[in-house]
Amino acid sequence: MLRLLPMTDRDKDAEILALRHQITVLERQLGRDKSRFAPSDRASLAALLHRLPLHVLRRLRLLVRPDTVLRWHRNLVKRRHAAFCRPKRPGRPRTVRSIRILVLRLAKEKPSWGYRRL
């Protein structure tokens, strides 16, 4: 992205046209076969394109449908949110030590009591 800063708009337009032509050639070679994207490719495409309005996104020459790019972005955000909200330690929190000692003492003193009464 840093290499795009010193480029003029005319150079950028020429590069965009060349890239679009390459996509057309690739689509022609693939035919009906699906192209496979690596997770890193999906993440970078989703990050770059998710801010574009849907009508603009539909006009772009992409190897995948615009809805697919938006789905990739939703999944990316969902995984990030799930990882952030995941509890640090799974399972039930430990019982306080004083309560554990009390329960064990009561179990020794009153063997006729069941676990519900304890």
PDB file of N, CA and C in Angstrom:
ATOM      1  N   MET A   1       0.824  -1.191   0.000  1.00  0.00           N
ATOM      2  CA  MET A   1       0.000   0.000   0.000  1.00  0.00           C
ATOM      3  C   MET A   1       0.871   1.258   0.000  1.00  0.00           C
ATOM      4  N   LEU A   2       2.041   1.155   0.624  1.00  0.00           N
ATOM      5  CA  LEU A   2       2.920   2.319   0.641  1.00  0.00           C
ATOM      6  C   LEU A   2       3.453   2.658  -0.747  1.00  0.00           C
ATOM      7  N   ARG A   3       3.542   1.652  -1.596  1.00  0.00           N
ATOM      8  CA  ARG A   3       4.055   1.925  -2.931  1.00  0.00           C
ATOM      9  C   ARG A   3       3.034   2.684  -3.778  1.00  0.00           C
ATOM     10  N   LEU A   4       1.762   2.710  -3.372  1.00  0.00           N
ATOM     11  CA  LEU A   4       0.739   3.432  -4.127  1.00  0.00           C
ATOM     12  C   LEU A   4       0.780   4.937  -3.881  1.00  0.00           C
ATOM     13  N   LEU A   5       1.363   5.362  -2.781  1.00  0.00           N
ATOM     14  CA  LEU A   5       1.361   6.786  -2.435  1.00  0.00           C
ATOM     15  C   LEU A   5       2.030   7.678  -3.483  1.00  0.00           C
ATOM     16  N   PRO A   6       3.249   7.354  -3.975  1.00  0.00           N
ATOM     17  CA  PRO A   6       3.880   8.263  -4.934  1.00  0.00           C
ATOM     18  C   PRO A   6       3.322   8.137  -6.357  1.00  0.00           C
ATOM     19  N   MET A   7       2.458   7.161  -6.624  1.00  0.00           N
ATOM     20  CA  MET A   7       1.940   6.964  -7.978  1.00  0.00           C
ATOM     21  C   MET A   7       0.906   8.021  -8.339  1.00  0.00           C
ATOM     22  N   THR A   8       0.880   8.391  -9.587  1.00  0.00           N
ATOM     23  CA  THR A   8      -0.139   9.333 -10.055  1.00  0.00           C
ATOM     24  C   THR A   8      -1.428   8.564 -10.306  1.00  0.00           C
ATOM     25  N   ASP A   9      -2.515   9.302 -10.439  1.00  0.00           N
ATOM     26  CA  ASP A   9      -3.804   8.659 -10.699  1.00  0.00           C
ATOM     27  C   ASP A   9      -3.791   7.930 -12.041  1.00  0.00           C
ATOM     28  N   ARG A  10      -3.073   8.477 -13.009  1.00  0.00           N
ATOM     29  CA  ARG A  10      -3.003   7.841 -14.320  1.00  0.00           C
ATOM     30  C   ARG A  10      -2.289   6.485 -14.223  1.00  0.00           C
ATOM     31  N   ASP A  11      -1.206   6.430 -13.445  1.00  0.00           N
ATOM     32  CA  ASP A  11      -0.496   5.162 -13.252  1.00  0.00           C
ATOM     33  C   ASP A  11      -1.373   4.143 -12.522  1.00  0.00           C
ATOM     34  N   LYS A  12      -2.100   4.616 -11.534  1.00  0.00           N
ATOM     35  CA  LYS A  12      -2.991   3.728 -10.794  1.00  0.00           C
ATOM     36  C   LYS A  12      -4.089   3.190 -11.693  1.00  0.00           C
ATOM     37  N   ASP A  13      -4.651   4.056 -12.547  1.00  0.00           N
ATOM     38  CA  ASP A  13      -5.699   3.613 -13.467  1.00  0.00           C
ATOM     39  C   ASP A  13      -5.159   2.565 -14.440  1.00  0.00           C
ATOM     40  N   ALA A  14      -3.934   2.768 -14.930  1.00  0.00           N
ATOM     41  CA  ALA A  14      -3.339   1.799 -15.843  1.00  0.00           C
ATOM     42  C   ALA A  14      -3.126   0.461 -15.150  1.00  0.00           C
ATOM     43  N   GLU A  15      -2.674   0.503 -13.895  1.00  0.00           N
ATOM     44  CA  GLU A  15      -2.470  -0.741 -13.151  1.00  0.00           C
ATOM     45  C   GLU A  15      -3.795  -1.444 -12.890  1.00  0.00           C
ATOM     46  N   ILE A  16      -4.820  -0.678 -12.578  1.00  0.00           N
ATOM     47  CA  ILE A  16      -6.146  -1.262 -12.347  1.00  0.00           C
ATOM     48  C   ILE A  16      -6.650  -1.948 -13.610  1.00  0.00           C
ATOM     49  N   LEU A  17      -6.489  -1.293 -14.755  1.00  0.00           N
ATOM     50  CA  LEU A  17      -6.932  -1.901 -16.010  1.00  0.00           C
ATOM     51  C   LEU A  17      -6.154  -3.182 -16.310  1.00  0.00           C
ATOM     52  N   ALA A  18      -4.847  -3.163 -16.053  1.00  0.00           N
ATOM     53  CA  ALA A  18      -4.045  -4.363 -16.278  1.00  0.00           C
ATOM     54  C   ALA A  18      -4.488  -5.498 -15.361  1.00  0.00           C
ATOM     55  N   LEU A  19      -4.765  -5.172 -14.100  1.00  0.00           N
ATOM     56  CA  LEU A  19      -5.216  -6.198 -13.157  1.00  0.00           C
ATOM     57  C   LEU A  19      -6.579  -6.754 -13.554  1.00  0.00           C
ATOM     58  N   ARG A  20      -7.472  -5.886 -14.010  1.00  0.00           N
ATOM     59  CA  ARG A  20      -8.781  -6.348 -14.469  1.00  0.00           C
ATOM     60  C   ARG A  20      -8.636  -7.285 -15.668  1.00  0.00           C
ATOM     61  N   HIS A  21      -7.731  -6.949 -16.568  1.00  0.00           N
ATOM     62  CA  HIS A  21      -7.524  -7.810 -17.730  1.00  0.00           C
ATOM     63  C   HIS A  21      -6.975  -9.169 -17.291  1.00  0.00           C
ATOM     64  N   GLN A  22      -6.068  -9.186 -16.328  1.00  0.00           N
ATOM     65  CA  GLN A  22      -5.534 -10.443 -15.822  1.00  0.00           C
ATOM     66  C   GLN A  22      -6.624 -11.288 -15.181  1.00  0.00           C
ATOM     67  N   ILE A  23      -7.527 -10.646 -14.477  1.00  0.00           N
ATOM     68  CA  ILE A  23      -8.643 -11.374 -13.865  1.00  0.00           C
ATOM     69  C   ILE A  23      -9.512 -11.995 -14.948  1.00  0.00           C
ATOM     70  N   THR A  24      -9.763 -11.260 -16.023  1.00  0.00           N
ATOM     71  CA  THR A  24     -10.562 -11.794 -17.124  1.00  0.00           C
ATOM     72  C   THR A  24      -9.893 -13.017 -17.736  1.00  0.00           C
ATOM     73  N   VAL A  25      -8.580 -12.942 -17.930  1.00  0.00           N
ATOM     74  CA  VAL A  25      -7.837 -14.081 -18.485  1.00  0.00           C
ATOM     75  C   VAL A  25      -7.914 -15.273 -17.535  1.00  0.00           C
ATOM     76  N   LEU A  26      -7.741 -15.042 -16.251  1.00  0.00           N
ATOM     77  CA  LEU A  26      -7.812 -16.137 -15.276  1.00  0.00           C
ATOM     78  C   LEU A  26      -9.200 -16.770 -15.243  1.00  0.00           C
ATOM     79  N   GLU A  27     -10.238 -15.941 -15.292  1.00  0.00           N
ATOM     80  CA  GLU A  27     -11.593 -16.483 -15.299  1.00  0.00           C
ATOM     81  C   GLU A  27     -11.817 -17.338 -16.543  1.00  0.00           C
ATOM     82  N   ARG A  28     -11.293 -16.921 -17.652  1.00  0.00           N
ATOM     83  CA  ARG A  28     -11.449 -17.666 -18.894  1.00  0.00           C
ATOM     84  C   ARG A  28     -10.723 -19.011 -18.792  1.00  0.00           C
ATOM     85  N   GLN A  29      -9.555 -19.022 -18.159  1.00  0.00           N
ATOM     86  CA  GLN A  29      -8.794 -20.265 -18.012  1.00  0.00           C
ATOM     87  C   GLN A  29      -9.443 -21.220 -17.022  1.00  0.00           C
ATOM     88  N   LEU A  30     -10.028 -20.657 -15.961  1.00  0.00           N
ATOM     89  CA  LEU A  30     -10.645 -21.503 -14.950  1.00  0.00           C
ATOM     90  C   LEU A  30     -11.924 -22.138 -15.454  1.00  0.00           C
ATOM     91  N   GLY A  31     -12.647 -21.422 -16.284  1.00  0.00           N
ATOM     92  CA  GLY A  31     -13.928 -21.932 -16.748  1.00  0.00           C
ATOM     93  C   GLY A  31     -14.914 -21.980 -15.598  1.00  0.00           C
ATOM     94  N   ARG A  32     -15.488 -23.144 -15.399  1.00  0.00           N
ATOM     95  CA  ARG A  32     -16.478 -23.273 -14.333  1.00  0.00           C
ATOM     96  C   ARG A  32     -15.870 -23.729 -13.013  1.00  0.00           C
ATOM     97  N   ASP A  33     -14.585 -24.059 -13.020  1.00  0.00           N
ATOM     98  CA  ASP A  33     -13.926 -24.495 -11.779  1.00  0.00           C
ATOM     99  C   ASP A  33     -13.870 -23.342 -10.790  1.00  0.00           C
ATOM    100  N   LYS A  34     -14.013 -23.689  -9.536  1.00  0.00           N
ATOM    101  CA  LYS A  34     -13.948 -22.669  -8.487  1.00  0.00           C
ATOM    102  C   LYS A  34     -12.496 -22.393  -8.124  1.00  0.00           C
ATOM    103  N   SER A  35     -12.213 -21.143  -7.863  1.00  0.00           N
ATOM    104  CA  SER A  35     -10.878 -20.802  -7.380  1.00  0.00           C
ATOM    105  C   SER A  35     -10.864 -20.918  -5.860  1.00  0.00           C
ATOM    106  N   ARG A  36      -9.750 -21.333  -5.328  1.00  0.00           N
ATOM    107  CA  ARG A  36      -9.611 -21.511  -3.878  1.00  0.00           C
ATOM    108  C   ARG A  36      -8.796 -20.374  -3.306  1.00  0.00           C
ATOM    109  N   PHE A  37      -9.294 -19.792  -2.236  1.00  0.00           N
ATOM    110  CA  PHE A  37      -8.595 -18.706  -1.556  1.00  0.00           C
ATOM    111  C   PHE A  37      -8.094 -19.213  -0.211  1.00  0.00           C
ATOM    112  N   ALA A  38      -6.873 -18.849   0.121  1.00  0.00           N
ATOM    113  CA  ALA A  38      -6.328 -19.165   1.438  1.00  0.00           C
ATOM    114  C   ALA A  38      -6.983 -18.253   2.470  1.00  0.00           C
ATOM    115  N   PRO A  39      -7.008 -18.642   3.740  1.00  0.00           N
ATOM    116  CA  PRO A  39      -7.610 -17.781   4.758  1.00  0.00           C
ATOM    117  C   PRO A  39      -6.990 -16.379   4.808  1.00  0.00           C
ATOM    118  N   SER A  40      -5.699 -16.277   4.575  1.00  0.00           N
ATOM    119  CA  SER A  40      -5.080 -14.948   4.582  1.00  0.00           C
ATOM    120  C   SER A  40      -5.557 -14.115   3.393  1.00  0.00           C
ATOM    121  N   ASP A  41      -5.780 -14.765   2.241  1.00  0.00           N
ATOM    122  CA  ASP A  41      -6.323 -14.055   1.083  1.00  0.00           C
ATOM    123  C   ASP A  41      -7.738 -13.569   1.361  1.00  0.00           C
ATOM    124  N   ARG A  42      -8.521 -14.426   1.986  1.00  0.00           N
ATOM    125  CA  ARG A  42      -9.894 -14.039   2.329  1.00  0.00           C
ATOM    126  C   ARG A  42      -9.907 -12.843   3.283  1.00  0.00           C
ATOM    127  N   ALA A  43      -9.044 -12.895   4.285  1.00  0.00           N
ATOM    128  CA  ALA A  43      -8.999 -11.813   5.270  1.00  0.00           C
ATOM    129  C   ALA A  43      -8.581 -10.499   4.628  1.00  0.00           C
ATOM    130  N   SER A  44      -7.578 -10.536   3.762  1.00  0.00           N
ATOM    131  CA  SER A  44      -7.125  -9.279   3.152  1.00  0.00           C
ATOM    132  C   SER A  44      -8.170  -8.723   2.195  1.00  0.00           C
ATOM    133  N   LEU A  45      -8.815  -9.591   1.406  1.00  0.00           N
ATOM    134  CA  LEU A  45      -9.874  -9.106   0.513  1.00  0.00           C
ATOM    135  C   LEU A  45     -11.049  -8.546   1.307  1.00  0.00           C
ATOM    136  N   ALA A  46     -11.428  -9.232   2.361  1.00  0.00           N
ATOM    137  CA  ALA A  46     -12.552  -8.765   3.177  1.00  0.00           C
ATOM    138  C   ALA A  46     -12.221  -7.434   3.836  1.00  0.00           C
ATOM    139  N   ALA A  47     -10.995  -7.276   4.309  1.00  0.00           N
ATOM    140  CA  ALA A  47     -10.608  -6.021   4.962  1.00  0.00           C
ATOM    141  C   ALA A  47     -10.565  -4.870   3.966  1.00  0.00           C
ATOM    142  N   LEU A  48     -10.137  -5.147   2.747  1.00  0.00           N
ATOM    143  CA  LEU A  48     -10.042  -4.084   1.748  1.00  0.00           C
ATOM    144  C   LEU A  48     -11.408  -3.674   1.188  1.00  0.00           C
ATOM    145  N   LEU A  49     -12.294  -4.642   1.017  1.00  0.00           N
ATOM    146  CA  LEU A  49     -13.512  -4.377   0.255  1.00  0.00           C
ATOM    147  C   LEU A  49     -14.774  -4.195   1.084  1.00  0.00           C
ATOM    148  N   HIS A  50     -14.742  -4.475   2.382  1.00  0.00           N
ATOM    149  CA  HIS A  50     -16.005  -4.462   3.133  1.00  0.00           C
ATOM    150  C   HIS A  50     -16.588  -3.057   3.293  1.00  0.00           C
ATOM    151  N   ARG A  51     -15.790  -2.024   3.173  1.00  0.00           N
ATOM    152  CA  ARG A  51     -16.302  -0.658   3.356  1.00  0.00           C
ATOM    153  C   ARG A  51     -16.998  -0.117   2.113  1.00  0.00           C
ATOM    154  N   LEU A  52     -16.793  -0.768   0.984  1.00  0.00           N
ATOM    155  CA  LEU A  52     -17.428  -0.291  -0.236  1.00  0.00           C
ATOM    156  C   LEU A  52     -18.926  -0.567  -0.197  1.00  0.00           C
ATOM    157  N   PRO A  53     -19.736   0.348  -0.717  1.00  0.00           N
ATOM    158  CA  PRO A  53     -21.177   0.080  -0.793  1.00  0.00           C
ATOM    159  C   PRO A  53     -21.441  -1.120  -1.703  1.00  0.00           C
ATOM    160  N   LEU A  54     -22.557  -1.773  -1.487  1.00  0.00           N
ATOM    161  CA  LEU A  54     -22.857  -2.997  -2.213  1.00  0.00           C
ATOM    162  C   LEU A  54     -22.972  -2.760  -3.717  1.00  0.00           C
ATOM    163  N   HIS A  55     -23.563  -1.621  -4.127  1.00  0.00           N
ATOM    164  CA  HIS A  55     -23.711  -1.371  -5.563  1.00  0.00           C
ATOM    165  C   HIS A  55     -22.348  -1.153  -6.228  1.00  0.00           C
ATOM    166  N   VAL A  56     -21.396  -0.576  -5.516  1.00  0.00           N
ATOM    167  CA  VAL A  56     -20.042  -0.422  -6.057  1.00  0.00           C
ATOM    168  C   VAL A  56     -19.341  -1.772  -6.076  1.00  0.00           C
ATOM    169  N   LEU A  57     -19.544  -2.548  -5.033  1.00  0.00           N
ATOM    170  CA  LEU A  57     -18.920  -3.859  -4.935  1.00  0.00           C
ATOM    171  C   LEU A  57     -19.396  -4.787  -6.052  1.00  0.00           C
ATOM    172  N   ARG A  58     -20.647  -4.653  -6.439  1.00  0.00           N
ATOM    173  CA  ARG A  58     -21.197  -5.502  -7.508  1.00  0.00           C
ATOM    174  C   ARG A  58     -20.602  -5.157  -8.873  1.00  0.00           C
ATOM    175  N   ARG A  59     -20.111  -3.924  -9.061  1.00  0.00           N
ATOM    176  CA  ARG A  59     -19.525  -3.524 -10.340  1.00  0.00           C
ATOM    177  C   ARG A  59     -18.073  -3.959 -10.488  1.00  0.00           C
ATOM    178  N   LEU A  60     -17.431  -4.341  -9.404  1.00  0.00           N
ATOM    179  CA  LEU A  60     -16.020  -4.731  -9.461  1.00  0.00           C
ATOM    180  C   LEU A  60     -15.856  -6.081 -10.141  1.00  0.00           C
ATOM    181  N   ARG A  61     -14.709  -6.267 -10.747  1.00  0.00           N
ATOM    182  CA  ARG A  61     -14.371  -7.559 -11.351  1.00  0.00           C
ATOM    183  C   ARG A  61     -13.679  -8.391 -10.281  1.00  0.00           C
ATOM    184  N   LEU A  62     -14.399  -9.304  -9.692  1.00  0.00           N
ATOM    185  CA  LEU A  62     -13.858 -10.151  -8.645  1.00  0.00           C
ATOM    186  C   LEU A  62     -13.991 -11.611  -9.049  1.00  0.00           C
ATOM    187  N   LEU A  63     -13.141 -12.444  -8.503  1.00  0.00           N
ATOM    188  CA  LEU A  63     -13.244 -13.880  -8.764  1.00  0.00           C
ATOM    189  C   LEU A  63     -14.366 -14.520  -7.957  1.00  0.00           C
ATOM    190  N   VAL A  64     -14.857 -13.817  -6.958  1.00  0.00           N
ATOM    191  CA  VAL A  64     -15.944 -14.313  -6.121  1.00  0.00           C
ATOM    192  C   VAL A  64     -17.076 -13.296  -6.131  1.00  0.00           C
ATOM    193  N   ARG A  65     -18.247 -13.732  -5.716  1.00  0.00           N
ATOM    194  CA  ARG A  65     -19.388 -12.819  -5.661  1.00  0.00           C
ATOM    195  C   ARG A  65     -19.204 -11.819  -4.524  1.00  0.00           C
ATOM    196  N   PRO A  66     -19.752 -10.611  -4.665  1.00  0.00           N
ATOM    197  CA  PRO A  66     -19.634  -9.615  -3.586  1.00  0.00           C
ATOM    198  C   PRO A  66     -20.219 -10.102  -2.266  1.00  0.00           C
ATOM    199  N   ASP A  67     -21.288 -10.897  -2.338  1.00  0.00           N
ATOM    200  CA  ASP A  67     -21.871 -11.432  -1.105  1.00  0.00           C
ATOM    201  C   ASP A  67     -20.886 -12.347  -0.381  1.00  0.00           C
ATOM    202  N   THR A  68     -20.048 -13.027  -1.137  1.00  0.00           N
ATOM    203  CA  THR A  68     -19.037 -13.896  -0.536  1.00  0.00           C
ATOM    204  C   THR A  68     -18.009 -13.083   0.228  1.00  0.00           C
ATOM    205  N   VAL A  69     -17.595 -11.963  -0.350  1.00  0.00           N
ATOM    206  CA  VAL A  69     -16.629 -11.092   0.337  1.00  0.00           C
ATOM    207  C   VAL A  69     -17.230 -10.566   1.632  1.00  0.00           C
ATOM    208  N   LEU A  70     -18.496 -10.164   1.583  1.00  0.00           N
ATOM    209  CA  LEU A  70     -19.151  -9.661   2.797  1.00  0.00           C
ATOM    210  C   LEU A  70     -19.299 -10.778   3.839  1.00  0.00           C
ATOM    211  N   ARG A  71     -19.576 -12.003   3.385  1.00  0.00           N
ATOM    212  CA  ARG A  71     -19.662 -13.127   4.322  1.00  0.00           C
ATOM    213  C   ARG A  71     -18.313 -13.389   4.970  1.00  0.00           C
ATOM    214  N   TRP A  72     -17.229 -13.309   4.188  1.00  0.00           N
ATOM    215  CA  TRP A  72     -15.888 -13.479   4.747  1.00  0.00           C
ATOM    216  C   TRP A  72     -15.624 -12.452   5.827  1.00  0.00           C
ATOM    217  N   HIS A  73     -16.053 -11.209   5.587  1.00  0.00           N
ATOM    218  CA  HIS A  73     -15.832 -10.155   6.584  1.00  0.00           C
ATOM    219  C   HIS A  73     -16.643 -10.425   7.844  1.00  0.00           C
ATOM    220  N   ARG A  74     -17.890 -10.834   7.685  1.00  0.00           N
ATOM    221  CA  ARG A  74     -18.716 -11.152   8.870  1.00  0.00           C
ATOM    222  C   ARG A  74     -18.076 -12.273   9.678  1.00  0.00           C
ATOM    223  N   ASN A  75     -17.586 -13.311   9.000  1.00  0.00           N
ATOM    224  CA  ASN A  75     -16.941 -14.423   9.707  1.00  0.00           C
ATOM    225  C   ASN A  75     -15.667 -13.973  10.409  1.00  0.00           C
ATOM    226  N   LEU A  76     -14.919 -13.087   9.759  1.00  0.00           N
ATOM    227  CA  LEU A  76     -13.689 -12.565  10.355  1.00  0.00           C
ATOM    228  C   LEU A  76     -14.000 -11.799  11.639  1.00  0.00           C
ATOM    229  N   VAL A  77     -15.022 -10.948  11.586  1.00  0.00           N
ATOM    230  CA  VAL A  77     -15.412 -10.166  12.765  1.00  0.00           C
ATOM    231  C   VAL A  77     -15.960 -11.087  13.845  1.00  0.00           C
ATOM    232  N   LYS A  78     -16.732 -12.098  13.441  1.00  0.00           N
ATOM    233  CA  LYS A  78     -17.316 -13.023  14.409  1.00  0.00           C
ATOM    234  C   LYS A  78     -16.232 -13.805  15.147  1.00  0.00           C
ATOM    235  N   ARG A  79     -15.214 -14.296  14.395  1.00  0.00           N
ATOM    236  CA  ARG A  79     -14.124 -15.028  15.040  1.00  0.00           C
ATOM    237  C   ARG A  79     -13.323 -14.136  15.972  1.00  0.00           C
ATOM    238  N   ARG A  80     -13.106 -12.900  15.567  1.00  0.00           N
ATOM    239  CA  ARG A  80     -12.343 -11.983  16.415  1.00  0.00           C
ATOM    240  C   ARG A  80     -13.113 -11.679  17.696  1.00  0.00           C
ATOM    241  N   HIS A  81     -14.426 -11.464  17.566  1.00  0.00           N
ATOM    242  CA  HIS A  81     -15.246 -11.184  18.738  1.00  0.00           C
ATOM    243  C   HIS A  81     -15.307 -12.408  19.651  1.00  0.00           C
ATOM    244  N   ALA A  82     -15.435 -13.593  19.066  1.00  0.00           N
ATOM    245  CA  ALA A  82     -15.507 -14.813  19.867  1.00  0.00           C
ATOM    246  C   ALA A  82     -14.200 -15.047  20.617  1.00  0.00           C
ATOM    247  N   ALA A  83     -13.086 -14.770  19.972  1.00  0.00           N
ATOM    248  CA  ALA A  83     -11.796 -14.951  20.642  1.00  0.00           C
ATOM    249  C   ALA A  83     -11.607 -13.941  21.762  1.00  0.00           C
ATOM    250  N   PHE A  84     -12.116 -12.735  21.564  1.00  0.00           N
ATOM    251  CA  PHE A  84     -11.976 -11.695  22.579  1.00  0.00           C
ATOM    252  C   PHE A  84     -12.858 -11.984  23.782  1.00  0.00           C
ATOM    253  N   CYS A  85     -14.055 -12.524  23.553  1.00  0.00           N
ATOM    254  CA  CYS A  85     -15.021 -12.747  24.634  1.00  0.00           C
ATOM    255  C   CYS A  85     -14.874 -14.115  25.304  1.00  0.00           C
ATOM    256  N   ARG A  86     -14.005 -14.956  24.776  1.00  0.00           N
ATOM    257  CA  ARG A  86     -13.833 -16.285  25.344  1.00  0.00           C
ATOM    258  C   ARG A  86     -13.303 -16.172  26.769  1.00  0.00           C
ATOM    259  N   PRO A  87     -13.858 -16.944  27.701  1.00  0.00           N
ATOM    260  CA  PRO A  87     -13.336 -16.883  29.072  1.00  0.00           C
ATOM    261  C   PRO A  87     -11.883 -17.337  29.114  1.00  0.00           C
ATOM    262  N   LYS A  88     -11.146 -16.757  30.020  1.00  0.00           N
ATOM    263  CA  LYS A  88      -9.718 -17.069  30.120  1.00  0.00           C
ATOM    264  C   LYS A  88      -9.496 -18.511  30.564  1.00  0.00           C
ATOM    265  N   ARG A  89     -10.297 -18.970  31.517  1.00  0.00           N
ATOM    266  CA  ARG A  89     -10.201 -20.350  31.985  1.00  0.00           C
ATOM    267  C   ARG A  89     -11.549 -21.016  31.771  1.00  0.00           C
ATOM    268  N   PRO A  90     -11.596 -22.103  31.029  1.00  0.00           N
ATOM    269  CA  PRO A  90     -12.874 -22.776  30.800  1.00  0.00           C
ATOM    270  C   PRO A  90     -13.356 -23.483  32.055  1.00  0.00           C
ATOM    271  N   GLY A  91     -14.664 -23.674  32.129  1.00  0.00           N
ATOM    272  CA  GLY A  91     -15.233 -24.429  33.232  1.00  0.00           C
ATOM    273  C   GLY A  91     -15.699 -23.545  34.385  1.00  0.00           C
ATOM    274  N   ARG A  92     -16.163 -24.211  35.404  1.00  0.00           N
ATOM    275  CA  ARG A  92     -16.694 -23.527  36.578  1.00  0.00           C
ATOM    276  C   ARG A  92     -15.547 -22.962  37.412  1.00  0.00           C
ATOM    277  N   PRO A  93     -15.736 -21.757  37.969  1.00  0.00           N
ATOM    278  CA  PRO A  93     -14.679 -21.203  38.822  1.00  0.00           C
ATOM    279  C   PRO A  93     -14.479 -22.052  40.082  1.00  0.00           C
ATOM    280  N   ARG A  94     -13.272 -22.031  40.607  1.00  0.00           N
ATOM    281  CA  ARG A  94     -12.963 -22.820  41.794  1.00  0.00           C
ATOM    282  C   ARG A  94     -13.736 -22.321  43.001  1.00  0.00           C
ATOM    283  N   THR A  95     -14.029 -23.256  43.901  1.00  0.00           N
ATOM    284  CA  THR A  95     -14.700 -22.913  45.155  1.00  0.00           C
ATOM    285  C   THR A  95     -13.674 -22.294  46.100  1.00  0.00           C
ATOM    286  N   VAL A  96     -14.130 -21.344  46.863  1.00  0.00           N
ATOM    287  CA  VAL A  96     -13.242 -20.678  47.814  1.00  0.00           C
ATOM    288  C   VAL A  96     -12.701 -21.723  48.797  1.00  0.00           C
ATOM    289  N   ARG A  97     -11.461 -21.582  49.170  1.00  0.00           N
ATOM    290  CA  ARG A  97     -10.769 -22.577  50.012  1.00  0.00           C
ATOM    291  C   ARG A  97     -11.453 -22.754  51.364  1.00  0.00           C
ATOM    292  N   SER A  98     -11.907 -21.666  51.971  1.00  0.00           N
ATOM    293  CA  SER A  98     -12.550 -21.772  53.301  1.00  0.00           C
ATOM    294  C   SER A  98     -13.845 -22.577  53.211  1.00  0.00           C
ATOM    295  N   ILE A  99     -14.584 -22.430  52.135  1.00  0.00           N
ATOM    296  CA  ILE A  99     -15.833 -23.195  51.977  1.00  0.00           C
ATOM    297  C   ILE A  99     -15.512 -24.670  51.761  1.00  0.00           C
ATOM    298  N   ARG A 100     -14.484 -24.969  50.989  1.00  0.00           N
ATOM    299  CA  ARG A 100     -14.073 -26.354  50.766  1.00  0.00           C
ATOM    300  C   ARG A 100     -13.705 -27.029  52.082  1.00  0.00           C
ATOM    301  N   ILE A 101     -12.948 -26.336  52.911  1.00  0.00           N
ATOM    302  CA  ILE A 101     -12.533 -26.886  54.209  1.00  0.00           C
ATOM    303  C   ILE A 101     -13.747 -27.121  55.098  1.00  0.00           C
ATOM    304  N   LEU A 102     -14.691 -26.178  55.107  1.00  0.00           N
ATOM    305  CA  LEU A 102     -15.914 -26.305  55.907  1.00  0.00           C
ATOM    306  C   LEU A 102     -16.733 -27.509  55.462  1.00  0.00           C
ATOM    307  N   VAL A 103     -16.908 -27.698  54.171  1.00  0.00           N
ATOM    308  CA  VAL A 103     -17.696 -28.817  53.657  1.00  0.00           C
ATOM    309  C   VAL A 103     -17.033 -30.141  54.024  1.00  0.00           C
ATOM    310  N   LEU A 104     -15.719 -30.222  53.871  1.00  0.00           N
ATOM    311  CA  LEU A 104     -15.020 -31.460  54.232  1.00  0.00           C
ATOM    312  C   LEU A 104     -15.122 -31.751  55.724  1.00  0.00           C
ATOM    313  N   ARG A 105     -15.047 -30.720  56.564  1.00  0.00           N
ATOM    314  CA  ARG A 105     -15.166 -30.914  58.015  1.00  0.00           C
ATOM    315  C   ARG A 105     -16.566 -31.403  58.374  1.00  0.00           C
ATOM    316  N   LEU A 106     -17.610 -30.789  57.756  1.00  0.00           N
ATOM    317  CA  LEU A 106     -18.984 -31.221  58.024  1.00  0.00           C
ATOM    318  C   LEU A 106     -19.221 -32.653  57.551  1.00  0.00           C
ATOM    319  N   ALA A 107     -18.614 -33.032  56.426  1.00  0.00           N
ATOM    320  CA  ALA A 107     -18.781 -34.401  55.924  1.00  0.00           C
ATOM    321  C   ALA A 107     -18.173 -35.414  56.879  1.00  0.00           C
ATOM    322  N   LYS A 108     -17.060 -35.069  57.541  1.00  0.00           N
ATOM    323  CA  LYS A 108     -16.448 -35.982  58.516  1.00  0.00           C
ATOM    324  C   LYS A 108     -17.262 -36.044  59.799  1.00  0.00           C
ATOM    325  N   GLU A 109     -17.773 -34.886  60.242  1.00  0.00           N
ATOM    326  CA  GLU A 109     -18.519 -34.837  61.499  1.00  0.00           C
ATOM    327  C   GLU A 109     -19.901 -35.459  61.367  1.00  0.00           C
ATOM    328  N   LYS A 110     -20.541 -35.314  60.229  1.00  0.00           N
ATOM    329  CA  LYS A 110     -21.918 -35.799  60.036  1.00  0.00           C
ATOM    330  C   LYS A 110     -21.957 -36.767  58.851  1.00  0.00           C
ATOM    331  N   PRO A 111     -21.493 -37.991  59.031  1.00  0.00           N
ATOM    332  CA  PRO A 111     -21.467 -38.927  57.905  1.00  0.00           C
ATOM    333  C   PRO A 111     -22.857 -39.328  57.413  1.00  0.00           C
ATOM    334  N   SER A 112     -23.889 -39.138  58.224  1.00  0.00           N
ATOM    335  CA  SER A 112     -25.238 -39.512  57.794  1.00  0.00           C
ATOM    336  C   SER A 112     -25.844 -38.475  56.842  1.00  0.00           C
ATOM    337  N   TRP A 113     -25.274 -37.279  56.802  1.00  0.00           N
ATOM    338  CA  TRP A 113     -25.790 -36.259  55.886  1.00  0.00           C
ATOM    339  C   TRP A 113     -25.386 -36.604  54.453  1.00  0.00           C
ATOM    340  N   GLY A 114     -26.235 -36.375  53.531  1.00  0.00           N
ATOM    341  CA  GLY A 114     -25.915 -36.622  52.133  1.00  0.00           C
ATOM    342  C   GLY A 114     -25.280 -35.357  51.510  1.00  0.00           C
ATOM    343  N   TYR A 115     -24.966 -35.494  50.268  1.00  0.00           N
ATOM    344  CA  TYR A 115     -24.296 -34.365  49.601  1.00  0.00           C
ATOM    345  C   TYR A 115     -25.234 -33.172  49.433  1.00  0.00           C
ATOM    346  N   ARG A 116     -26.566 -33.453  49.339  1.00  0.00           N
ATOM    347  CA  ARG A 116     -27.502 -32.328  49.198  1.00  0.00           C
ATOM    348  C   ARG A 116     -27.560 -31.499  50.472  1.00  0.00           C
ATOM    349  N   ARG A 117     -27.563 -32.167  51.615  1.00  0.00           N
ATOM    350  CA  ARG A 117     -27.664 -31.464  52.889  1.00  0.00           C
ATOM    351  C   ARG A 117     -26.377 -30.699  53.192  1.00  0.00           C
ATOM    352  N   LEU A 118     -25.243 -31.256  52.795  1.00  0.00           N
ATOM    353  CA  LEU A 118     -23.977 -30.579  53.012  1.00  0.00           C
ATOM    354  C   LEU A 118     -23.961 -29.293  52.199  1.00  0.00           C
TER     355      LEU A 118
END
